[in-house]
Amino acid sequence: AKYFDLIGGACMDGARTKKQEVIQYVLEQCKEKDREKIRMVGDR
């Protein structure tokens, strides 16, 4: 946890479960607005 500036995930009530929705949610909280300077790392 100490390495993460922000931990974003789904809601317990089933809202915000799709990956695009989660990405939108965390991006809204990030200071970086230039998408060229952002990378996503995942396995699926």
All heavy atoms as atom14 arrays in JSON, in Angstrom:
{
  "sequence": "AKYFDLIGGACMDGARTKKQEVIQYVLEQCKEKDREKIRMVGDR",
  "atom14_mask": [
    [1, 1, 1, 1, 1, 0, 0, 0, 0, 0, 0, 0, 0, 0],
    [1, 1, 1, 1, 1, 1, 1, 1, 1, 0, 0, 0, 0, 0],
    [1, 1, 1, 1, 1, 1, 1, 1, 1, 1, 1, 1, 0, 0],
    [1, 1, 1, 1, 1, 1, 1, 1, 1, 1, 1, 0, 0, 0],
    [1, 1, 1, 1, 1, 1, 1, 1, 0, 0, 0, 0, 0, 0],
    [1, 1, 1, 1, 1, 1, 1, 1, 0, 0, 0, 0, 0, 0],
    [1, 1, 1, 1, 1, 1, 1, 1, 0, 0, 0, 0, 0, 0],
    [1, 1, 1, 1, 0, 0, 0, 0, 0, 0, 0, 0, 0, 0],
    [1, 1, 1, 1, 0, 0, 0, 0, 0, 0, 0, 0, 0, 0],
    [1, 1, 1, 1, 1, 0, 0, 0, 0, 0, 0, 0, 0, 0],
    [1, 1, 1, 1, 1, 1, 0, 0, 0, 0, 0, 0, 0, 0],
    [1, 1, 1, 1, 1, 1, 1, 1, 0, 0, 0, 0, 0, 0],
    [1, 1, 1, 1, 1, 1, 1, 1, 0, 0, 0, 0, 0, 0],
    [1, 1, 1, 1, 0, 0, 0, 0, 0, 0, 0, 0, 0, 0],
    [1, 1, 1, 1, 1, 0, 0, 0, 0, 0, 0, 0, 0, 0],
    [1, 1, 1, 1, 1, 1, 1, 1, 1, 1, 1, 0, 0, 0],
    [1, 1, 1, 1, 1, 1, 1, 0, 0, 0, 0, 0, 0, 0],
    [1, 1, 1, 1, 1, 1, 1, 1, 1, 0, 0, 0, 0, 0],
    [1, 1, 1, 1, 1, 1, 1, 1, 1, 0, 0, 0, 0, 0],
    [1, 1, 1, 1, 1, 1, 1, 1, 1, 0, 0, 0, 0, 0],
    [1, 1, 1, 1, 1, 1, 1, 1, 1, 0, 0, 0, 0, 0],
    [1, 1, 1, 1, 1, 1, 1, 0, 0, 0, 0, 0, 0, 0],
    [1, 1, 1, 1, 1, 1, 1, 1, 0, 0, 0, 0, 0, 0],
    [1, 1, 1, 1, 1, 1, 1, 1, 1, 0, 0, 0, 0, 0],
    [1, 1, 1, 1, 1, 1, 1, 1, 1, 1, 1, 1, 0, 0],
    [1, 1, 1, 1, 1, 1, 1, 0, 0, 0, 0, 0, 0, 0],
    [1, 1, 1, 1, 1, 1, 1, 1, 0, 0, 0, 0, 0, 0],
    [1, 1, 1, 1, 1, 1, 1, 1, 1, 0, 0, 0, 0, 0],
    [1, 1, 1, 1, 1, 1, 1, 1, 1, 0, 0, 0, 0, 0],
    [1, 1, 1, 1, 1, 1, 0, 0, 0, 0, 0, 0, 0, 0],
    [1, 1, 1, 1, 1, 1, 1, 1, 1, 0, 0, 0, 0, 0],
    [1, 1, 1, 1, 1, 1, 1, 1, 1, 0, 0, 0, 0, 0],
    [1, 1, 1, 1, 1, 1, 1, 1, 1, 0, 0, 0, 0, 0],
    [1, 1, 1, 1, 1, 1, 1, 1, 0, 0, 0, 0, 0, 0],
    [1, 1, 1, 1, 1, 1, 1, 1, 1, 1, 1, 0, 0, 0],
    [1, 1, 1, 1, 1, 1, 1, 1, 1, 0, 0, 0, 0, 0],
    [1, 1, 1, 1, 1, 1, 1, 1, 1, 0, 0, 0, 0, 0],
    [1, 1, 1, 1, 1, 1, 1, 1, 0, 0, 0, 0, 0, 0],
    [1, 1, 1, 1, 1, 1, 1, 1, 1, 1, 1, 0, 0, 0],
    [1, 1, 1, 1, 1, 1, 1, 1, 0, 0, 0, 0, 0, 0],
    [1, 1, 1, 1, 1, 1, 1, 0, 0, 0, 0, 0, 0, 0],
    [1, 1, 1, 1, 0, 0, 0, 0, 0, 0, 0, 0, 0, 0],
    [1, 1, 1, 1, 1, 1, 1, 1, 0, 0, 0, 0, 0, 0],
    [1, 1, 1, 1, 1, 1, 1, 1, 1, 1, 1, 0, 0, 0]
  ],
  "atom14_positions": [
    [[0.83, -1.22, 0.0], [0.0, 0.0, 0.0], [0.86, 1.26, 0.0], [0.49, 2.28, -0.59], [-0.94, 0.0, 1.2], [0.0, 0.0, 0.0], [0.0, 0.0, 0.0], [0.0, 0.0, 0.0], [0.0, 0.0, 0.0], [0.0, 0.0, 0.0], [0.0, 0.0, 0.0], [0.0, 0.0, 0.0], [0.0, 0.0, 0.0], [0.0, 0.0, 0.0]],
    [[2.02, 1.19, 0.64], [2.89, 2.36, 0.76], [3.39, 2.89, -0.58], [3.81, 4.04, -0.69], [4.09, 2.03, 1.66], [4.97, 0.92, 1.1], [6.03, 0.49, 2.11], [6.85, -0.69, 1.57], [7.78, -1.2, 2.59], [0.0, 0.0, 0.0], [0.0, 0.0, 0.0], [0.0, 0.0, 0.0], [0.0, 0.0, 0.0], [0.0, 0.0, 0.0]],
    [[3.37, 2.05, -1.6], [3.85, 2.49, -2.92], [2.76, 3.18, -3.74], [3.08, 3.8, -4.75], [4.38, 1.29, -3.71], [5.59, 0.63, -3.07], [5.54, -0.7, -2.64], [6.77, 1.34, -2.88], [6.64, -1.3, -2.06], [7.87, 0.75, -2.29], [7.81, -0.57, -1.87], [8.9, -1.15, -1.28], [0.0, 0.0, 0.0], [0.0, 0.0, 0.0]],
    [[1.51, 3.06, -3.32], [0.4, 3.58, -4.12], [-0.06, 4.96, -3.64], [-0.33, 5.15, -2.46], [-0.77, 2.6, -4.1], [-0.56, 1.43, -5.02], [0.14, 0.31, -4.59], [-1.04, 1.46, -6.33], [0.37, -0.76, -5.45], [-0.82, 0.4, -7.19], [-0.11, -0.72, -6.74], [0.0, 0.0, 0.0], [0.0, 0.0, 0.0], [0.0, 0.0, 0.0]],
    [[-0.17, 5.88, -4.59], [-0.71, 7.21, -4.29], [-2.23, 7.15, -4.18], [-2.84, 7.97, -3.5], [-0.33, 8.19, -5.41], [1.17, 8.4, -5.47], [1.67, 9.23, -4.71], [1.84, 7.72, -6.27], [0.0, 0.0, 0.0], [0.0, 0.0, 0.0], [0.0, 0.0, 0.0], [0.0, 0.0, 0.0], [0.0, 0.0, 0.0], [0.0, 0.0, 0.0]],
    [[-2.83, 6.17, -4.85], [-4.28, 6.03, -4.87], [-4.64, 4.58, -5.15], [-4.01, 3.95, -5.99], [-4.87, 6.94, -5.96], [-6.36, 6.81, -6.3], [-7.21, 7.29, -5.12], [-6.69, 7.61, -7.55], [0.0, 0.0, 0.0], [0.0, 0.0, 0.0], [0.0, 0.0, 0.0], [0.0, 0.0, 0.0], [0.0, 0.0, 0.0], [0.0, 0.0, 0.0]],
    [[-5.62, 4.06, -4.41], [-6.14, 2.71, -4.67], [-7.61, 2.85, -5.03], [-8.43, 3.25, -4.19], [-5.95, 1.79, -3.45], [-4.44, 1.54, -3.22], [-6.69, 0.46, -3.66], [-4.13, 0.72, -1.98], [0.0, 0.0, 0.0], [0.0, 0.0, 0.0], [0.0, 0.0, 0.0], [0.0, 0.0, 0.0], [0.0, 0.0, 0.0], [0.0, 0.0, 0.0]],
    [[-7.94, 2.54, -6.28], [-9.32, 2.68, -6.75], [-9.87, 1.34, -7.2], [-9.17, 0.54, -7.82], [0.0, 0.0, 0.0], [0.0, 0.0, 0.0], [0.0, 0.0, 0.0], [0.0, 0.0, 0.0], [0.0, 0.0, 0.0], [0.0, 0.0, 0.0], [0.0, 0.0, 0.0], [0.0, 0.0, 0.0], [0.0, 0.0, 0.0], [0.0, 0.0, 0.0]],
    [[-11.13, 1.09, -6.84], [-11.76, -0.17, -7.22], [-13.25, -0.03, -7.37], [-13.79, 1.07, -7.43], [0.0, 0.0, 0.0], [0.0, 0.0, 0.0], [0.0, 0.0, 0.0], [0.0, 0.0, 0.0], [0.0, 0.0, 0.0], [0.0, 0.0, 0.0], [0.0, 0.0, 0.0], [0.0, 0.0, 0.0], [0.0, 0.0, 0.0], [0.0, 0.0, 0.0]],
    [[-13.92, -1.18, -7.42], [-15.37, -1.21, -7.57], [-16.05, -0.85, -6.25], [-15.43, -0.86, -5.18], [-15.81, -2.6, -8.01], [0.0, 0.0, 0.0], [0.0, 0.0, 0.0], [0.0, 0.0, 0.0], [0.0, 0.0, 0.0], [0.0, 0.0, 0.0], [0.0, 0.0, 0.0], [0.0, 0.0, 0.0], [0.0, 0.0, 0.0], [0.0, 0.0, 0.0]],
    [[-17.34, -0.57, -6.34], [-18.16, -0.32, -5.15], [-18.76, -1.65, -4.7], [-19.01, -2.54, -5.52], [-19.28, 0.67, -5.45], [-18.7, 2.27, -6.05], [0.0, 0.0, 0.0], [0.0, 0.0, 0.0], [0.0, 0.0, 0.0], [0.0, 0.0, 0.0], [0.0, 0.0, 0.0], [0.0, 0.0, 0.0], [0.0, 0.0, 0.0], [0.0, 0.0, 0.0]],
    [[-19.02, -1.79, -3.41], [-19.58, -3.03, -2.88], [-21.0, -3.29, -3.4], [-21.46, -4.43, -3.42], [-19.59, -3.0, -1.35], [-18.21, -3.06, -0.72], [-17.38, -4.65, -0.94], [-18.21, -5.63, 0.32], [0.0, 0.0, 0.0], [0.0, 0.0, 0.0], [0.0, 0.0, 0.0], [0.0, 0.0, 0.0], [0.0, 0.0, 0.0], [0.0, 0.0, 0.0]],
    [[-21.69, -2.23, -3.82], [-23.07, -2.4, -4.27], [-23.18, -2.78, -5.76], [-24.27, -2.84, -6.32], [-23.89, -1.13, -4.01], [-23.38, 0.07, -4.81], [-22.42, -0.08, -5.59], [-23.95, 1.16, -4.64], [0.0, 0.0, 0.0], [0.0, 0.0, 0.0], [0.0, 0.0, 0.0], [0.0, 0.0, 0.0], [0.0, 0.0, 0.0], [0.0, 0.0, 0.0]],
    [[-22.04, -3.06, -6.38], [-22.06, -3.48, -7.78], [-21.84, -2.35, -8.76], [-21.71, -2.58, -9.96], [0.0, 0.0, 0.0], [0.0, 0.0, 0.0], [0.0, 0.0, 0.0], [0.0, 0.0, 0.0], [0.0, 0.0, 0.0], [0.0, 0.0, 0.0], [0.0, 0.0, 0.0], [0.0, 0.0, 0.0], [0.0, 0.0, 0.0], [0.0, 0.0, 0.0]],
    [[-21.78, -1.12, -8.27], [-21.52, 0.02, -9.15], [-20.02, 0.07, -9.46], [-19.21, -0.44, -8.69], [-21.96, 1.31, -8.48], [0.0, 0.0, 0.0], [0.0, 0.0, 0.0], [0.0, 0.0, 0.0], [0.0, 0.0, 0.0], [0.0, 0.0, 0.0], [0.0, 0.0, 0.0], [0.0, 0.0, 0.0], [0.0, 0.0, 0.0], [0.0, 0.0, 0.0]],
    [[-19.69, 0.68, -10.57], [-18.3, 0.9, -10.98], [-17.49, -0.4, -10.96], [-16.44, -0.5, -10.31], [-17.66, 1.94, -10.06], [-16.43, 2.63, -10.66], [-15.89, 3.74, -9.79], [-15.42, 3.27, -8.51], [-15.73, 3.81, -7.33], [-16.55, 4.84, -7.26], [-15.24, 3.32, -6.21], [0.0, 0.0, 0.0], [0.0, 0.0, 0.0], [0.0, 0.0, 0.0]],
    [[-17.98, -1.41, -11.68], [-17.25, -2.68, -11.72], [-16.47, -2.88, -13.02], [-15.46, -3.57, -13.03], [-18.2, -3.88, -11.54], [-19.2, -3.84, -12.56], [-18.85, -3.86, -10.18], [0.0, 0.0, 0.0], [0.0, 0.0, 0.0], [0.0, 0.0, 0.0], [0.0, 0.0, 0.0], [0.0, 0.0, 0.0], [0.0, 0.0, 0.0], [0.0, 0.0, 0.0]],
    [[-16.95, -2.28, -14.11], [-16.24, -2.45, -15.39], [-14.9, -1.71, -15.32], [-14.81, -0.64, -14.72], [-17.09, -1.92, -16.54], [-18.36, -2.74, -16.79], [-19.09, -2.27, -18.02], [-20.42, -2.98, -18.19], [-20.28, -4.43, -18.34], [0.0, 0.0, 0.0], [0.0, 0.0, 0.0], [0.0, 0.0, 0.0], [0.0, 0.0, 0.0], [0.0, 0.0, 0.0]],
    [[-13.89, -2.28, -15.97], [-12.55, -1.7, -15.87], [-12.5, -0.27, -16.39], [-11.85, 0.59, -15.79], [-11.54, -2.59, -16.61], [-10.09, -2.15, -16.47], [-9.64, -1.91, -15.02], [-9.6, -3.13, -14.17], [-8.36, -3.85, -14.1], [0.0, 0.0, 0.0], [0.0, 0.0, 0.0], [0.0, 0.0, 0.0], [0.0, 0.0, 0.0], [0.0, 0.0, 0.0]],
    [[-13.21, 0.02, -17.47], [-13.2, 1.39, -17.99], [-13.76, 2.37, -16.95], [-13.25, 3.48, -16.78], [-14.0, 1.5, -19.29], [-13.92, 2.9, -19.9], [-14.72, 3.04, -21.18], [-15.39, 2.09, -21.62], [-14.68, 4.21, -21.78], [0.0, 0.0, 0.0], [0.0, 0.0, 0.0], [0.0, 0.0, 0.0], [0.0, 0.0, 0.0], [0.0, 0.0, 0.0]],
    [[-14.81, 1.95, -16.23], [-15.41, 2.81, -15.2], [-14.42, 3.07, -14.07], [-14.34, 4.18, -13.55], [-16.67, 2.15, -14.64], [-17.8, 2.02, -15.64], [-18.95, 1.15, -15.15], [-18.75, 0.37, -14.2], [-20.05, 1.26, -15.72], [0.0, 0.0, 0.0], [0.0, 0.0, 0.0], [0.0, 0.0, 0.0], [0.0, 0.0, 0.0], [0.0, 0.0, 0.0]],
    [[-13.67, 2.03, -13.69], [-12.67, 2.19, -12.62], [-11.55, 3.12, -13.08], [-11.09, 3.98, -12.34], [-12.11, 0.83, -12.18], [-11.01, 1.02, -11.13], [-13.2, -0.06, -11.61], [0.0, 0.0, 0.0], [0.0, 0.0, 0.0], [0.0, 0.0, 0.0], [0.0, 0.0, 0.0], [0.0, 0.0, 0.0], [0.0, 0.0, 0.0], [0.0, 0.0, 0.0]],
    [[-11.12, 2.95, -14.33], [-10.07, 3.81, -14.88], [-10.54, 5.26, -14.9], [-9.8, 6.18, -14.52], [-9.63, 3.33, -16.28], [-8.91, 1.98, -16.16], [-8.74, 4.36, -16.97], [-8.6, 1.31, -17.48], [0.0, 0.0, 0.0], [0.0, 0.0, 0.0], [0.0, 0.0, 0.0], [0.0, 0.0, 0.0], [0.0, 0.0, 0.0], [0.0, 0.0, 0.0]],
    [[-11.76, 5.49, -15.35], [-12.33, 6.85, -15.35], [-12.3, 7.44, -13.94], [-11.92, 8.59, -13.73], [-13.77, 6.83, -15.85], [-13.91, 6.64, -17.34], [-15.36, 6.47, -17.77], [-16.25, 6.22, -16.95], [-15.62, 6.59, -19.05], [0.0, 0.0, 0.0], [0.0, 0.0, 0.0], [0.0, 0.0, 0.0], [0.0, 0.0, 0.0], [0.0, 0.0, 0.0]],
    [[-12.72, 6.62, -12.98], [-12.79, 7.04, -11.57], [-11.42, 7.47, -11.03], [-11.29, 8.52, -10.39], [-13.37, 5.87, -10.76], [-13.21, 5.94, -9.27], [-13.87, 6.9, -8.51], [-12.42, 5.01, -8.6], [-13.75, 6.95, -7.13], [-12.29, 5.04, -7.22], [-12.95, 6.01, -6.48], [-12.82, 6.04, -5.11], [0.0, 0.0, 0.0], [0.0, 0.0, 0.0]],
    [[-10.37, 6.67, -11.29], [-9.06, 7.04, -10.76], [-8.46, 8.22, -11.52], [-7.77, 9.06, -10.93], [-8.08, 5.84, -10.73], [-8.61, 4.75, -9.8], [-7.78, 5.28, -12.11], [0.0, 0.0, 0.0], [0.0, 0.0, 0.0], [0.0, 0.0, 0.0], [0.0, 0.0, 0.0], [0.0, 0.0, 0.0], [0.0, 0.0, 0.0], [0.0, 0.0, 0.0]],
    [[-8.74, 8.3, -12.83], [-8.2, 9.42, -13.61], [-8.77, 10.75, -13.15], [-8.09, 11.78, -13.18], [-8.48, 9.22, -15.1], [-7.67, 8.13, -15.81], [-8.11, 8.01, -17.26], [-6.17, 8.39, -15.72], [0.0, 0.0, 0.0], [0.0, 0.0, 0.0], [0.0, 0.0, 0.0], [0.0, 0.0, 0.0], [0.0, 0.0, 0.0], [0.0, 0.0, 0.0]],
    [[-10.03, 10.73, -12.72], [-10.66, 11.96, -12.21], [-9.92, 12.5, -10.98], [-9.96, 13.69, -10.7], [-12.12, 11.69, -11.84], [-13.05, 11.57, -13.04], [-14.42, 11.01, -12.68], [-14.69, 10.83, -11.48], [-15.22, 10.78, -13.61], [0.0, 0.0, 0.0], [0.0, 0.0, 0.0], [0.0, 0.0, 0.0], [0.0, 0.0, 0.0], [0.0, 0.0, 0.0]],
    [[-9.26, 11.6, -10.26], [-8.56, 12.0, -9.04], [-7.08, 12.25, -9.25], [-6.39, 12.71, -8.34], [-8.74, 10.91, -7.97], [-10.21, 10.67, -7.62], [-10.37, 9.52, -6.66], [-10.01, 9.61, -5.5], [-10.93, 8.42, -7.14], [0.0, 0.0, 0.0], [0.0, 0.0, 0.0], [0.0, 0.0, 0.0], [0.0, 0.0, 0.0], [0.0, 0.0, 0.0]],
    [[-6.58, 11.93, -10.45], [-5.16, 12.14, -10.76], [-4.9, 13.57, -11.23], [-5.72, 14.15, -11.93], [-4.7, 11.17, -11.84], [-4.57, 9.47, -11.29], [0.0, 0.0, 0.0], [0.0, 0.0, 0.0], [0.0, 0.0, 0.0], [0.0, 0.0, 0.0], [0.0, 0.0, 0.0], [0.0, 0.0, 0.0], [0.0, 0.0, 0.0], [0.0, 0.0, 0.0]],
    [[-3.76, 14.1, -10.86], [-3.4, 15.45, -11.31], [-3.02, 15.45, -12.79], [-3.17, 16.46, -13.47], [-2.25, 15.98, -10.46], [-2.66, 16.32, -9.03], [-1.5, 16.88, -8.25], [-1.92, 17.19, -6.82], [-0.78, 17.67, -6.01], [0.0, 0.0, 0.0], [0.0, 0.0, 0.0], [0.0, 0.0, 0.0], [0.0, 0.0, 0.0], [0.0, 0.0, 0.0]],
    [[-2.5, 14.31, -13.28], [-2.05, 14.24, -14.67], [-3.25, 14.17, -15.61], [-4.04, 13.25, -15.55], [-1.15, 13.01, -14.87], [-0.56, 12.9, -16.26], [0.26, 14.13, -16.64], [1.37, 14.28, -16.11], [-0.26, 14.93, -17.45], [0.0, 0.0, 0.0], [0.0, 0.0, 0.0], [0.0, 0.0, 0.0], [0.0, 0.0, 0.0], [0.0, 0.0, 0.0]],
    [[-3.35, 15.16, -16.47], [-4.47, 15.19, -17.42], [-4.05, 14.83, -18.85], [-4.9, 14.62, -19.71], [-5.12, 16.59, -17.43], [-5.65, 17.03, -16.06], [-6.63, 16.03, -15.47], [-7.06, 16.41, -14.06], [-7.83, 15.34, -13.4], [0.0, 0.0, 0.0], [0.0, 0.0, 0.0], [0.0, 0.0, 0.0], [0.0, 0.0, 0.0], [0.0, 0.0, 0.0]],
    [[-2.75, 14.75, -19.08], [-2.23, 14.38, -20.41], [-2.19, 12.86, -20.49], [-1.33, 12.21, -19.89], [-0.84, 14.98, -20.59], [-0.28, 14.72, -21.99], [-0.87, 13.9, -22.73], [0.74, 15.35, -22.34], [0.0, 0.0, 0.0], [0.0, 0.0, 0.0], [0.0, 0.0, 0.0], [0.0, 0.0, 0.0], [0.0, 0.0, 0.0], [0.0, 0.0, 0.0]],
    [[-3.1, 12.28, -21.25], [-3.21, 10.81, -21.32], [-1.95, 10.17, -21.91], [-1.69, 8.99, -21.69], [-4.44, 10.41, -22.15], [-5.76, 10.99, -21.62], [-6.3, 10.16, -20.47], [-7.34, 10.86, -19.74], [-8.63, 10.52, -19.73], [-9.05, 9.49, -20.42], [-9.49, 11.19, -19.0], [0.0, 0.0, 0.0], [0.0, 0.0, 0.0], [0.0, 0.0, 0.0]],
    [[-1.17, 10.93, -22.68], [0.06, 10.39, -23.27], [1.1, 10.07, -22.19], [2.01, 9.28, -22.43], [0.65, 11.4, -24.26], [-0.06, 11.45, -25.6], [0.12, 10.16, -26.4], [1.24, 9.64, -26.43], [-0.87, 9.68, -26.98], [0.0, 0.0, 0.0], [0.0, 0.0, 0.0], [0.0, 0.0, 0.0], [0.0, 0.0, 0.0], [0.0, 0.0, 0.0]],
    [[0.94, 10.68, -21.03], [1.92, 10.48, -19.94], [1.48, 9.41, -18.94], [2.1, 9.24, -17.9], [2.14, 11.81, -19.2], [2.79, 12.88, -20.06], [3.06, 14.13, -19.23], [3.74, 15.21, -20.08], [4.03, 16.42, -19.28], [0.0, 0.0, 0.0], [0.0, 0.0, 0.0], [0.0, 0.0, 0.0], [0.0, 0.0, 0.0], [0.0, 0.0, 0.0]],
    [[0.4, 8.7, -19.28], [-0.16, 7.68, -18.39], [-0.08, 6.31, -19.06], [-0.29, 6.19, -20.26], [-1.63, 8.01, -18.04], [-1.72, 9.41, -17.41], [-2.21, 6.97, -17.08], [-3.15, 9.9, -17.23], [0.0, 0.0, 0.0], [0.0, 0.0, 0.0], [0.0, 0.0, 0.0], [0.0, 0.0, 0.0], [0.0, 0.0, 0.0], [0.0, 0.0, 0.0]],
    [[0.23, 5.27, -18.29], [0.21, 3.9, -18.79], [-0.65, 3.03, -17.87], [-0.7, 3.25, -16.66], [1.63, 3.3, -18.83], [2.56, 3.97, -19.83], [2.2, 3.68, -21.26], [3.13, 4.29, -22.19], [3.04, 5.54, -22.64], [2.05, 6.33, -22.23], [3.93, 6.01, -23.49], [0.0, 0.0, 0.0], [0.0, 0.0, 0.0], [0.0, 0.0, 0.0]],
    [[-1.31, 2.04, -18.48], [-2.05, 1.02, -17.73], [-1.28, -0.28, -17.83], [-0.82, -0.65, -18.91], [-3.45, 0.84, -18.33], [-4.28, -0.28, -17.71], [-4.99, 0.2, -16.12], [-5.05, -1.42, -15.29], [0.0, 0.0, 0.0], [0.0, 0.0, 0.0], [0.0, 0.0, 0.0], [0.0, 0.0, 0.0], [0.0, 0.0, 0.0], [0.0, 0.0, 0.0]],
    [[-1.14, -0.98, -16.71], [-0.47, -2.29, -16.69], [-1.46, -3.33, -16.16], [-2.0, -3.17, -15.06], [0.8, -2.25, -15.8], [1.48, -3.62, -15.8], [1.76, -1.17, -16.27], [0.0, 0.0, 0.0], [0.0, 0.0, 0.0], [0.0, 0.0, 0.0], [0.0, 0.0, 0.0], [0.0, 0.0, 0.0], [0.0, 0.0, 0.0], [0.0, 0.0, 0.0]],
    [[-1.71, -4.38, -16.94], [-2.65, -5.4, -16.51], [-2.42, -6.71, -17.24], [-1.6, -6.79, -18.16], [0.0, 0.0, 0.0], [0.0, 0.0, 0.0], [0.0, 0.0, 0.0], [0.0, 0.0, 0.0], [0.0, 0.0, 0.0], [0.0, 0.0, 0.0], [0.0, 0.0, 0.0], [0.0, 0.0, 0.0], [0.0, 0.0, 0.0], [0.0, 0.0, 0.0]],
    [[-3.18, -7.74, -16.84], [-2.95, -9.07, -17.4], [-4.1, -9.62, -18.23], [-4.0, -10.7, -18.78], [-2.65, -10.07, -16.26], [-3.89, -10.39, -15.45], [-4.57, -9.44, -15.0], [-4.19, -11.58, -15.24], [0.0, 0.0, 0.0], [0.0, 0.0, 0.0], [0.0, 0.0, 0.0], [0.0, 0.0, 0.0], [0.0, 0.0, 0.0], [0.0, 0.0, 0.0]],
    [[-5.2, -8.87, -18.33], [-6.36, -9.39, -19.06], [-6.83, -8.4, -20.12], [-6.47, -7.22, -20.12], [-7.53, -9.67, -18.1], [-7.27, -10.76, -17.04], [-7.02, -12.14, -17.64], [-8.02, -12.53, -18.62], [-9.2, -13.09, -18.33], [-9.54, -13.31, -17.08], [-10.02, -13.45, -19.3], [0.0, 0.0, 0.0], [0.0, 0.0, 0.0], [0.0, 0.0, 0.0]]
  ]
}
